[in-house]
Protein backbone atom coordinates (compact mmCIF):
# COMPACT_ATOMS: atom_id res chain seq x y z
CA MET A 1 100.24 116.15 31.66
CA ARG A 2 100.54 117.54 35.17
CA THR A 3 103.47 117.17 37.02
CA SER A 4 102.83 115.99 41.11
CA VAL A 5 103.91 118.33 43.46
CA PHE A 6 106.06 115.44 45.07
CA SER A 7 108.05 115.45 41.74
CA THR A 8 108.57 119.14 41.55
CA PHE A 9 109.55 119.10 45.32
CA VAL A 10 112.44 116.40 44.46
CA ARG A 11 113.60 118.19 41.72
CA TYR A 12 113.72 121.41 43.68
CA CYS A 13 115.85 119.63 46.28
CA ARG A 14 118.14 118.02 44.05
CA ASP A 15 118.73 121.47 42.64
CA LEU A 16 119.40 123.00 45.85
CA LYS A 17 121.83 120.15 46.77
CA ASN A 18 123.89 120.91 43.52
CA GLY A 19 124.08 124.73 44.12
CA PHE A 20 125.17 123.96 47.53
CA SER A 21 127.77 121.59 46.27
CA SER A 22 128.82 123.96 43.82
CA LEU A 23 129.07 127.03 46.36
CA THR A 24 131.10 124.64 48.66
CA ARG A 25 133.96 123.86 46.10
CA ALA A 26 134.15 127.51 45.10
CA LEU A 27 134.53 128.55 48.37
CA ALA A 28 137.24 125.85 49.04
CA ALA A 29 139.18 127.05 46.31
CA SER A 30 139.15 130.59 47.03
CA ILE A 31 139.08 131.08 50.93
CA PRO A 32 142.77 130.16 51.34
CA TYR A 33 143.49 133.02 49.16
CA LEU A 34 141.40 135.43 51.08
CA PHE A 35 143.06 134.47 54.44
CA ASN A 36 146.55 134.54 52.82
CA VAL A 37 147.08 130.60 53.38
CA ASN A 38 149.88 129.34 51.22
CA PRO A 39 147.67 127.39 48.55
CA ASN A 40 150.82 125.31 47.46
CA SER A 41 150.34 123.54 50.90
CA LEU A 42 146.88 122.39 49.93
CA ARG A 43 147.41 121.43 46.50
CA LYS A 44 149.72 120.94 43.65
CA GLU A 45 150.91 124.06 41.52
CA VAL A 46 149.48 124.22 38.00
CA THR A 47 150.91 127.22 36.81
CA GLU A 48 154.28 127.15 35.13
CA GLN A 49 156.53 129.91 34.94
CA TYR A 50 157.77 130.91 31.48
CA PRO A 51 160.51 130.22 30.16
CA ASP A 52 160.94 127.61 32.79
CA PRO A 53 164.82 127.18 33.36
CA VAL A 54 164.93 123.69 33.96
CA SER A 55 162.49 122.53 30.87
CA SER A 56 162.47 125.23 28.55
CA LYS A 57 163.19 123.81 24.80
CA THR A 58 166.19 124.98 22.94
CA VAL A 59 166.72 124.89 19.06
CA ASP A 60 168.36 121.40 19.72
CA ASP A 61 165.34 120.05 21.39
CA LEU A 62 162.63 120.70 18.61
CA PRO A 63 162.05 118.13 15.78
CA PRO A 64 163.78 118.45 12.67
CA ARG A 65 160.80 119.44 10.51
CA THR A 66 159.89 122.54 12.93
CA ARG A 67 157.97 125.28 11.21
CA GLY A 68 159.22 128.18 12.86
CA LEU A 69 159.15 131.64 11.41
CA LEU A 70 159.83 132.29 7.84
CA VAL A 71 163.22 133.29 6.51
CA ASN A 72 164.42 134.18 2.79
CA ASP A 73 167.74 134.03 1.73
CA ILE A 74 167.52 137.30 -0.75
CA ARG A 75 170.77 136.47 -2.37
CA GLN A 76 169.12 133.19 -3.71
CA CYS A 77 165.75 134.74 -4.11
CA ILE A 78 165.01 135.10 -7.88
CA GLY A 79 161.78 137.29 -7.53
CA CYS A 80 159.50 135.11 -9.35
CA HIS A 81 156.54 135.93 -6.86
CA GLU A 82 155.55 132.24 -6.48
CA CYS A 83 155.35 132.34 -2.67
CA GLU A 84 153.49 135.55 -2.76
CA LYS A 85 150.62 133.81 -5.31
CA ILE A 86 150.38 130.66 -3.42
CA CYS A 87 149.91 132.20 0.33
CA PRO A 88 146.29 131.54 1.38
CA VAL A 89 146.52 134.47 3.81
CA LYS A 90 148.62 136.91 1.61
CA CYS A 91 151.40 137.47 4.26
CA ILE A 92 154.04 138.01 1.65
CA HIS A 93 154.53 141.37 -0.35
CA ILE A 94 157.14 141.33 -3.04
CA GLU A 95 158.25 144.23 -5.30
CA SER A 96 160.77 143.39 -7.82
CA GLU A 97 161.98 145.05 -11.19
CA ARG A 98 164.22 143.68 -13.85
CA LEU A 99 167.77 145.04 -14.28
CA ILE A 100 168.43 146.21 -17.75
CA GLU A 101 172.17 145.31 -17.84
CA THR A 102 171.71 141.71 -16.68
CA GLN A 103 168.17 140.86 -17.43
CA LYS A 104 167.82 139.62 -13.78
CA GLU A 105 165.11 140.36 -11.24
CA TRP A 106 165.99 142.69 -8.34
CA VAL A 107 163.95 142.10 -5.11
CA SER A 108 163.53 145.33 -3.75
CA VAL A 109 160.83 144.50 -1.26
CA PHE A 110 160.56 141.19 0.28
CA ASP A 111 158.23 141.56 3.45
CA ILE A 112 156.63 138.66 5.69
CA ASP A 113 154.15 139.62 8.11
CA HIS A 114 154.42 137.09 10.82
CA SER A 115 151.10 138.08 12.36
CA LYS A 116 148.97 136.68 9.61
CA CYS A 117 151.22 133.95 8.76
CA VAL A 118 149.58 130.38 9.47
CA PHE A 119 152.94 128.32 8.89
CA CYS A 120 151.25 126.27 6.32
CA GLY A 121 154.33 125.68 4.60
CA LEU A 122 153.18 126.24 0.86
CA CYS A 123 155.58 129.16 0.15
CA VAL A 124 158.45 127.02 1.16
CA GLU A 125 157.53 124.24 -1.00
CA ILE A 126 156.87 126.07 -4.11
CA CYS A 127 160.10 128.35 -4.01
CA PRO A 128 162.03 127.36 -6.85
CA PRO A 129 165.66 128.25 -5.73
CA ASN A 130 164.57 127.14 -1.94
CA SER A 131 165.68 130.55 -0.57
CA LEU A 132 162.46 130.66 1.60
CA THR A 133 162.56 128.30 4.39
CA HIS A 134 161.07 127.97 8.04
CA SER A 135 163.71 128.77 10.88
CA LYS A 136 163.82 127.09 14.23
CA ARG A 137 162.63 130.43 15.77
CA TYR A 138 159.38 130.32 16.98
CA GLU A 139 158.94 132.97 19.73
CA GLY A 140 157.37 135.82 18.02
CA ALA A 141 155.66 137.62 20.95
CA THR A 142 156.05 141.32 20.88
CA PRO A 143 154.07 144.29 22.12
CA SER A 144 153.33 145.88 18.88
CA LYS A 145 152.02 144.16 15.62
CA ALA A 146 154.25 146.33 13.18
CA SER A 147 157.46 144.58 14.81
CA LEU A 148 156.00 141.31 13.44
CA ILE A 149 156.38 142.47 9.90
CA GLU A 150 160.29 141.27 8.57
CA SER A 151 161.70 142.55 5.50
CA PHE A 152 164.36 140.66 3.44
CA GLY A 153 164.53 143.01 0.28
CA ARG A 154 167.48 144.53 -1.09
CA GLY A 155 166.19 148.13 -1.30
CA ASP A 156 166.32 150.34 -4.39
CA ALA A 157 167.75 148.50 -7.73
CA PRO A 158 171.15 149.84 -8.48
CA ARG A 159 171.14 152.13 -11.76
CA ARG A 160 173.36 151.79 -14.80
CA GLY A 161 177.03 151.26 -13.60
CA GLU A 162 176.42 150.65 -9.81
CA PHE A 163 176.41 147.00 -9.63
CA PRO A 164 177.89 145.37 -6.39
């Protein structure tokens, strides 16, 4: 089916009008900056400074069930590796060994890679002694990815006669 010249011309005029309208709105937004005119006098400011000294959240302002960065109380940790097994992104790495004298697990390495963590809370739910919890700390921004790995391990296991 052939389109008429008139309908093609109408579509061309409509597209030309839309393009001109778009160009006008873009120039209206950018010209004040070009001539160093204060844009705040023309429109409301939408950029919020961080941290905002007036409305920034404190730990007390957060909901009670906030899932912040993970924290492990290594004194309660029994080295069962359940949190490491259930983690869907494998952000927890544990190394432990059984002490000969006490027959208890010594957790020498307990590393959490916060850059991988998705804050799902599965590890916290499955932890038998409840040593792994979510803290209220939620700001983990850092310039290096390596500083997002947090270690909670006890270090090398004590040998015979060296118990703390």
